[in-house]
Every structure is written in structure tokens, then in C-alpha cells.
Amino acid sequence: MSSNSPRLIIKLTTGIESPETLSQAFTVGATAVASGVLVSLWLTGESAWLAVPGRAEQFSLPHAAALSDLRDAVLAAGRLTVCSQCAARRNLTEADLLPGTLIRGSAAFVEEILQDGAQALVY
């Protein structure tokens, strides 16, 4: 994709305690990827656990796509990032996360959302 492609940055601030919000953020991310949009999905708070292998596979919501499939679609064609403070509070390192997942801080998030052509959503 060219640098002129639209960019969508999604910040997810909730975990499995809010299943519909969680599913919606991943669904929008995977749908955007399938539409050719450059997607960056940020996992903060309890959603950080979903970057750990096997965690998304345990999540189920009736009438929703499998969370692991949605996550994998984002990872395949976009970027999955865990908030650095959130990772530290959970004792997670990049070695604990799915291959390709990054740990980055708020400065990197701000940099992404301020790029020309970027649209940010917070769930």
C-alpha cells in the first residue's frame, strides 16, 4: 500500500469484561484491513492480554467472528501494538506476545494519530 493509503488507528481500552466493545474494535480493524486501509490496533489496559498467544482463542461472543481470526487479519496486514505501561503492569515483554506485536508508548501513539490522512477511533 502506498503512503497515500488511508490510515486507521484504533485504541482499545477494555478487555473481556466488555465483550461487545472488544469484539467491535477488532471487527472494525479487520474490516478496514480487508478494505485496503492501513490499520494500527493499540491494545491498552486489560486488552493487552489479547496479544498473548492463546488468549484471544479463549474469547467467544455469540454472532461474532472469532476474535483470534480478526486479530490475525490485523497482524497479517496491519500493526498490533501493546501499550508499554500496560505491558509493564502485566509483566509482559515482546517475547510473551504474538510474533509481530510491538510494545510502544504514548509518544508513538500520538505520532501515529497526528499523521496526515490518519483517523483515530477509541473503543
N, C-alpha and C. Protein backbone atom coordinates (compact mmCIF):
# COMPACT_ATOMS: atom_id res chain seq x y z
N MET A 1 0.83 -1.18 0.00
CA MET A 1 0.00 0.00 0.00
C MET A 1 0.87 1.24 0.00
N SER A 2 0.42 2.24 -0.68
CA SER A 2 1.20 3.46 -0.76
C SER A 2 1.03 4.29 0.50
N SER A 3 1.92 5.24 0.67
CA SER A 3 1.83 6.12 1.83
C SER A 3 0.59 7.00 1.76
N ASN A 4 -0.06 7.06 0.59
CA ASN A 4 -1.28 7.84 0.44
C ASN A 4 -2.52 7.05 0.84
N SER A 5 -2.34 5.78 1.19
CA SER A 5 -3.48 4.97 1.61
C SER A 5 -4.04 5.52 2.91
N PRO A 6 -5.35 5.43 3.09
CA PRO A 6 -5.93 5.89 4.35
C PRO A 6 -5.38 5.06 5.52
N ARG A 7 -5.28 5.70 6.68
CA ARG A 7 -4.77 5.01 7.88
C ARG A 7 -5.82 5.10 8.98
N LEU A 8 -6.01 3.98 9.65
CA LEU A 8 -6.94 3.92 10.77
C LEU A 8 -6.18 3.43 11.99
N ILE A 9 -6.20 4.22 13.04
CA ILE A 9 -5.57 3.85 14.30
C ILE A 9 -6.70 3.61 15.29
N ILE A 10 -6.73 2.41 15.83
CA ILE A 10 -7.78 2.02 16.77
C ILE A 10 -7.12 1.78 18.12
N LYS A 11 -7.66 2.42 19.15
CA LYS A 11 -7.18 2.20 20.51
C LYS A 11 -8.28 1.50 21.29
N LEU A 12 -7.97 0.32 21.78
CA LEU A 12 -8.92 -0.47 22.56
C LEU A 12 -8.56 -0.35 24.03
N THR A 13 -9.49 0.12 24.83
CA THR A 13 -9.21 0.42 26.24
C THR A 13 -9.88 -0.55 27.21
N THR A 14 -10.44 -1.62 26.69
CA THR A 14 -11.16 -2.56 27.54
C THR A 14 -10.80 -3.99 27.15
N GLY A 15 -11.01 -4.90 28.06
CA GLY A 15 -10.73 -6.31 27.81
C GLY A 15 -12.00 -7.13 27.76
N ILE A 16 -11.89 -8.38 28.15
CA ILE A 16 -13.03 -9.30 28.06
C ILE A 16 -14.17 -8.94 28.98
N GLU A 17 -13.95 -7.99 29.92
CA GLU A 17 -15.03 -7.55 30.79
C GLU A 17 -16.09 -6.76 30.01
N SER A 18 -15.75 -6.34 28.80
CA SER A 18 -16.68 -5.63 27.92
C SER A 18 -16.65 -6.28 26.54
N PRO A 19 -17.26 -7.47 26.43
CA PRO A 19 -17.07 -8.29 25.23
C PRO A 19 -17.53 -7.65 23.93
N GLU A 20 -18.63 -6.91 23.94
CA GLU A 20 -19.10 -6.34 22.69
C GLU A 20 -18.20 -5.21 22.21
N THR A 21 -17.71 -4.41 23.13
CA THR A 21 -16.77 -3.35 22.76
C THR A 21 -15.49 -3.96 22.20
N LEU A 22 -15.00 -4.96 22.87
CA LEU A 22 -13.79 -5.67 22.44
C LEU A 22 -13.96 -6.23 21.04
N SER A 23 -15.04 -6.94 20.82
CA SER A 23 -15.29 -7.55 19.52
C SER A 23 -15.44 -6.49 18.43
N GLN A 24 -16.12 -5.39 18.75
CA GLN A 24 -16.34 -4.34 17.76
C GLN A 24 -15.02 -3.72 17.30
N ALA A 25 -14.11 -3.46 18.22
CA ALA A 25 -12.82 -2.86 17.86
C ALA A 25 -12.05 -3.77 16.92
N PHE A 26 -12.00 -5.06 17.22
CA PHE A 26 -11.29 -6.00 16.36
C PHE A 26 -12.01 -6.18 15.02
N THR A 27 -13.34 -6.17 15.04
CA THR A 27 -14.11 -6.32 13.80
C THR A 27 -13.86 -5.13 12.87
N VAL A 28 -13.89 -3.93 13.42
CA VAL A 28 -13.64 -2.74 12.61
C VAL A 28 -12.21 -2.78 12.06
N GLY A 29 -11.25 -3.18 12.87
CA GLY A 29 -9.87 -3.27 12.41
C GLY A 29 -9.72 -4.26 11.26
N ALA A 30 -10.28 -5.45 11.42
CA ALA A 30 -10.16 -6.47 10.37
C ALA A 30 -10.91 -6.07 9.11
N THR A 31 -12.05 -5.43 9.27
CA THR A 31 -12.82 -4.96 8.11
C THR A 31 -12.05 -3.89 7.35
N ALA A 32 -11.42 -2.99 8.09
CA ALA A 32 -10.63 -1.93 7.45
C ALA A 32 -9.45 -2.53 6.69
N VAL A 33 -8.77 -3.51 7.29
CA VAL A 33 -7.66 -4.18 6.62
C VAL A 33 -8.15 -4.81 5.32
N ALA A 34 -9.29 -5.48 5.37
CA ALA A 34 -9.84 -6.13 4.18
C ALA A 34 -10.23 -5.11 3.11
N SER A 35 -10.45 -3.88 3.52
CA SER A 35 -10.81 -2.81 2.59
C SER A 35 -9.60 -2.05 2.06
N GLY A 36 -8.39 -2.50 2.44
CA GLY A 36 -7.18 -1.87 1.95
C GLY A 36 -6.68 -0.71 2.78
N VAL A 37 -7.22 -0.54 3.97
CA VAL A 37 -6.80 0.54 4.86
C VAL A 37 -5.61 0.06 5.69
N LEU A 38 -4.65 0.95 5.91
CA LEU A 38 -3.54 0.65 6.81
C LEU A 38 -4.06 0.75 8.23
N VAL A 39 -4.00 -0.33 8.99
CA VAL A 39 -4.58 -0.37 10.34
C VAL A 39 -3.49 -0.56 11.38
N SER A 40 -3.62 0.22 12.44
CA SER A 40 -2.79 0.06 13.62
C SER A 40 -3.73 -0.09 14.80
N LEU A 41 -3.71 -1.26 15.42
CA LEU A 41 -4.60 -1.55 16.56
C LEU A 41 -3.77 -1.54 17.83
N TRP A 42 -4.11 -0.63 18.73
CA TRP A 42 -3.42 -0.48 20.01
C TRP A 42 -4.24 -1.15 21.10
N LEU A 43 -3.59 -2.01 21.87
CA LEU A 43 -4.23 -2.70 22.98
C LEU A 43 -3.75 -2.07 24.28
N THR A 44 -4.70 -1.55 25.06
CA THR A 44 -4.37 -0.92 26.33
C THR A 44 -5.18 -1.57 27.44
N GLY A 45 -4.75 -1.38 28.67
CA GLY A 45 -5.47 -1.96 29.79
C GLY A 45 -5.54 -3.48 29.66
N GLU A 46 -6.68 -4.01 30.03
CA GLU A 46 -6.85 -5.47 30.02
C GLU A 46 -6.82 -6.08 28.62
N SER A 47 -7.03 -5.26 27.59
CA SER A 47 -6.96 -5.82 26.23
C SER A 47 -5.54 -6.24 25.87
N ALA A 48 -4.54 -5.78 26.61
CA ALA A 48 -3.15 -6.18 26.35
C ALA A 48 -2.99 -7.69 26.36
N TRP A 49 -3.78 -8.36 27.19
CA TRP A 49 -3.69 -9.83 27.27
C TRP A 49 -4.01 -10.52 25.95
N LEU A 50 -4.75 -9.85 25.06
CA LEU A 50 -5.16 -10.47 23.81
C LEU A 50 -4.03 -10.59 22.80
N ALA A 51 -2.89 -10.00 23.09
CA ALA A 51 -1.70 -10.16 22.25
C ALA A 51 -0.86 -11.35 22.70
N VAL A 52 -1.26 -11.99 23.79
CA VAL A 52 -0.56 -13.18 24.30
C VAL A 52 -1.12 -14.40 23.58
N PRO A 53 -0.28 -15.26 23.04
CA PRO A 53 -0.77 -16.45 22.34
C PRO A 53 -1.77 -17.24 23.19
N GLY A 54 -2.87 -17.62 22.55
CA GLY A 54 -3.89 -18.44 23.20
C GLY A 54 -4.99 -17.66 23.90
N ARG A 55 -4.77 -16.40 24.21
CA ARG A 55 -5.78 -15.62 24.95
C ARG A 55 -7.01 -15.29 24.10
N ALA A 56 -6.82 -14.80 22.89
CA ALA A 56 -7.97 -14.47 22.04
C ALA A 56 -8.75 -15.73 21.68
N GLU A 57 -8.06 -16.84 21.62
CA GLU A 57 -8.72 -18.11 21.27
C GLU A 57 -9.71 -18.54 22.36
N GLN A 58 -9.57 -18.03 23.56
CA GLN A 58 -10.47 -18.36 24.67
C GLN A 58 -11.73 -17.49 24.69
N PHE A 59 -11.75 -16.44 23.88
CA PHE A 59 -12.86 -15.49 23.87
C PHE A 59 -13.93 -15.96 22.89
N SER A 60 -15.19 -15.85 23.33
CA SER A 60 -16.30 -16.21 22.45
C SER A 60 -17.45 -15.25 22.70
N LEU A 61 -18.06 -14.80 21.62
CA LEU A 61 -19.22 -13.92 21.70
C LEU A 61 -20.21 -14.38 20.64
N PRO A 62 -21.45 -14.70 21.03
CA PRO A 62 -22.43 -15.14 20.05
C PRO A 62 -22.59 -14.15 18.90
N HIS A 63 -22.71 -14.68 17.71
CA HIS A 63 -22.95 -13.91 16.48
C HIS A 63 -21.78 -13.00 16.11
N ALA A 64 -20.61 -13.31 16.61
CA ALA A 64 -19.42 -12.52 16.29
C ALA A 64 -18.35 -13.44 15.69
N ALA A 65 -17.53 -12.87 14.84
CA ALA A 65 -16.41 -13.64 14.27
C ALA A 65 -15.44 -14.00 15.39
N ALA A 66 -14.69 -15.06 15.17
CA ALA A 66 -13.70 -15.49 16.16
C ALA A 66 -12.66 -14.38 16.34
N LEU A 67 -12.44 -13.99 17.58
CA LEU A 67 -11.52 -12.90 17.88
C LEU A 67 -10.12 -13.21 17.37
N SER A 68 -9.70 -14.46 17.48
CA SER A 68 -8.36 -14.82 17.00
C SER A 68 -8.24 -14.61 15.49
N ASP A 69 -9.31 -14.87 14.73
CA ASP A 69 -9.28 -14.65 13.29
C ASP A 69 -9.17 -13.16 12.97
N LEU A 70 -9.92 -12.35 13.70
CA LEU A 70 -9.88 -10.90 13.49
C LEU A 70 -8.49 -10.36 13.84
N ARG A 71 -7.96 -10.81 14.97
CA ARG A 71 -6.62 -10.38 15.40
C ARG A 71 -5.58 -10.77 14.37
N ASP A 72 -5.66 -11.99 13.88
CA ASP A 72 -4.69 -12.47 12.90
C ASP A 72 -4.77 -11.69 11.59
N ALA A 73 -5.97 -11.25 11.21
CA ALA A 73 -6.12 -10.44 10.00
C ALA A 73 -5.41 -9.10 10.18
N VAL A 74 -5.55 -8.51 11.34
CA VAL A 74 -4.86 -7.25 11.61
C VAL A 74 -3.35 -7.47 11.62
N LEU A 75 -2.90 -8.53 12.27
CA LEU A 75 -1.47 -8.81 12.32
C LEU A 75 -0.88 -9.08 10.94
N ALA A 76 -1.64 -9.71 10.07
CA ALA A 76 -1.14 -10.08 8.75
C ALA A 76 -0.93 -8.87 7.84
N ALA A 77 -1.78 -7.86 7.99
CA ALA A 77 -1.72 -6.75 7.04
C ALA A 77 -1.65 -5.38 7.72
N GLY A 78 -1.60 -5.37 9.02
CA GLY A 78 -1.54 -4.11 9.76
C GLY A 78 -0.53 -4.22 10.88
N ARG A 79 -0.83 -3.50 11.95
CA ARG A 79 0.09 -3.49 13.09
C ARG A 79 -0.71 -3.67 14.37
N LEU A 80 -0.18 -4.50 15.27
CA LEU A 80 -0.76 -4.72 16.59
C LEU A 80 0.26 -4.23 17.61
N THR A 81 -0.18 -3.32 18.47
CA THR A 81 0.72 -2.72 19.44
C THR A 81 0.10 -2.79 20.83
N VAL A 82 0.93 -3.12 21.81
CA VAL A 82 0.51 -3.11 23.22
C VAL A 82 1.15 -1.89 23.87
N CYS A 83 0.36 -1.17 24.63
CA CYS A 83 0.83 -0.01 25.38
C CYS A 83 1.96 -0.43 26.32
N SER A 84 3.04 0.35 26.33
CA SER A 84 4.21 -0.03 27.13
C SER A 84 3.92 -0.06 28.63
N GLN A 85 3.19 0.90 29.15
CA GLN A 85 2.85 0.88 30.58
C GLN A 85 1.94 -0.29 30.91
N CYS A 86 1.00 -0.57 30.02
CA CYS A 86 0.06 -1.68 30.24
C CYS A 86 0.81 -3.01 30.24
N ALA A 87 1.76 -3.15 29.32
CA ALA A 87 2.58 -4.37 29.28
C ALA A 87 3.40 -4.50 30.56
N ALA A 88 4.01 -3.41 30.99
CA ALA A 88 4.85 -3.45 32.20
C ALA A 88 4.03 -3.82 33.43
N ARG A 89 2.81 -3.28 33.54
CA ARG A 89 1.96 -3.61 34.70
C ARG A 89 1.56 -5.07 34.72
N ARG A 90 1.61 -5.72 33.57
CA ARG A 90 1.25 -7.14 33.47
C ARG A 90 2.48 -8.02 33.31
N ASN A 91 3.64 -7.44 33.47
CA ASN A 91 4.91 -8.17 33.33
C ASN A 91 5.04 -8.85 31.97
N LEU A 92 4.57 -8.18 30.92
CA LEU A 92 4.65 -8.71 29.56
C LEU A 92 5.79 -8.06 28.81
N THR A 93 6.53 -8.86 28.08
CA THR A 93 7.56 -8.37 27.17
C THR A 93 7.18 -8.80 25.76
N GLU A 94 7.89 -8.29 24.76
CA GLU A 94 7.58 -8.70 23.38
C GLU A 94 7.76 -10.20 23.20
N ALA A 95 8.61 -10.83 24.00
CA ALA A 95 8.81 -12.29 23.92
C ALA A 95 7.55 -13.04 24.36
N ASP A 96 6.69 -12.41 25.15
CA ASP A 96 5.45 -13.03 25.62
C ASP A 96 4.31 -12.90 24.61
N LEU A 97 4.49 -12.04 23.62
CA LEU A 97 3.41 -11.68 22.71
C LEU A 97 3.53 -12.40 21.37
N LEU A 98 2.45 -12.35 20.62
CA LEU A 98 2.44 -12.94 19.28
C LEU A 98 3.52 -12.31 18.42
N PRO A 99 4.14 -13.11 17.56
CA PRO A 99 5.16 -12.55 16.66
C PRO A 99 4.60 -11.36 15.88
N GLY A 100 5.39 -10.32 15.80
CA GLY A 100 4.99 -9.13 15.07
C GLY A 100 4.32 -8.07 15.92
N THR A 101 3.95 -8.42 17.14
CA THR A 101 3.33 -7.45 18.04
C THR A 101 4.41 -6.57 18.65
N LEU A 102 4.12 -5.28 18.70
CA LEU A 102 5.06 -4.31 19.25
C LEU A 102 4.61 -3.84 20.63
N ILE A 103 5.55 -3.37 21.42
CA ILE A 103 5.25 -2.66 22.66
C ILE A 103 5.77 -1.25 22.47
N ARG A 104 4.88 -0.26 22.56
CA ARG A 104 5.26 1.13 22.33
C ARG A 104 4.50 2.04 23.29
N GLY A 105 5.04 3.22 23.50
CA GLY A 105 4.47 4.16 24.45
C GLY A 105 3.56 5.19 23.81
N SER A 106 3.07 6.09 24.66
CA SER A 106 2.09 7.09 24.22
C SER A 106 2.65 8.04 23.17
N ALA A 107 3.95 8.32 23.21
CA ALA A 107 4.53 9.21 22.20
C ALA A 107 4.36 8.60 20.80
N ALA A 108 4.52 7.29 20.68
CA ALA A 108 4.34 6.63 19.39
C ALA A 108 2.87 6.66 18.95
N PHE A 109 1.95 6.54 19.92
CA PHE A 109 0.53 6.63 19.60
C PHE A 109 0.19 8.02 19.08
N VAL A 110 0.65 9.04 19.77
CA VAL A 110 0.40 10.42 19.35
C VAL A 110 0.99 10.66 17.96
N GLU A 111 2.19 10.17 17.72
CA GLU A 111 2.81 10.32 16.40
C GLU A 111 1.93 9.71 15.30
N GLU A 112 1.38 8.53 15.57
CA GLU A 112 0.54 7.86 14.58
C GLU A 112 -0.74 8.64 14.30
N ILE A 113 -1.41 9.09 15.35
CA ILE A 113 -2.71 9.74 15.14
C ILE A 113 -2.59 11.13 14.53
N LEU A 114 -1.40 11.72 14.59
CA LEU A 114 -1.22 13.05 14.02
C LEU A 114 -0.71 13.03 12.58
N GLN A 115 -0.50 11.85 12.02
CA GLN A 115 -0.07 11.75 10.62
C GLN A 115 -1.19 12.23 9.69
N ASP A 116 -0.79 12.86 8.58
CA ASP A 116 -1.77 13.26 7.57
C ASP A 116 -2.54 12.03 7.10
N GLY A 117 -3.83 12.17 6.98
CA GLY A 117 -4.65 11.09 6.48
C GLY A 117 -5.03 10.05 7.52
N ALA A 118 -4.64 10.25 8.77
CA ALA A 118 -4.95 9.28 9.82
C ALA A 118 -6.30 9.58 10.46
N GLN A 119 -6.99 8.53 10.77
CA GLN A 119 -8.26 8.62 11.51
C GLN A 119 -8.11 7.75 12.74
N ALA A 120 -8.40 8.29 13.90
CA ALA A 120 -8.26 7.53 15.16
C ALA A 120 -9.64 7.25 15.73
N LEU A 121 -9.80 6.01 16.22
CA LEU A 121 -11.01 5.59 16.93
C LEU A 121 -10.59 5.05 18.28
N VAL A 122 -11.36 5.33 19.30
CA VAL A 122 -11.08 4.79 20.63
C VAL A 122 -12.31 4.01 21.08
N TYR A 123 -12.07 2.77 21.46
CA TYR A 123 -13.14 1.91 21.99
C TYR A 123 -12.85 1.64 23.45
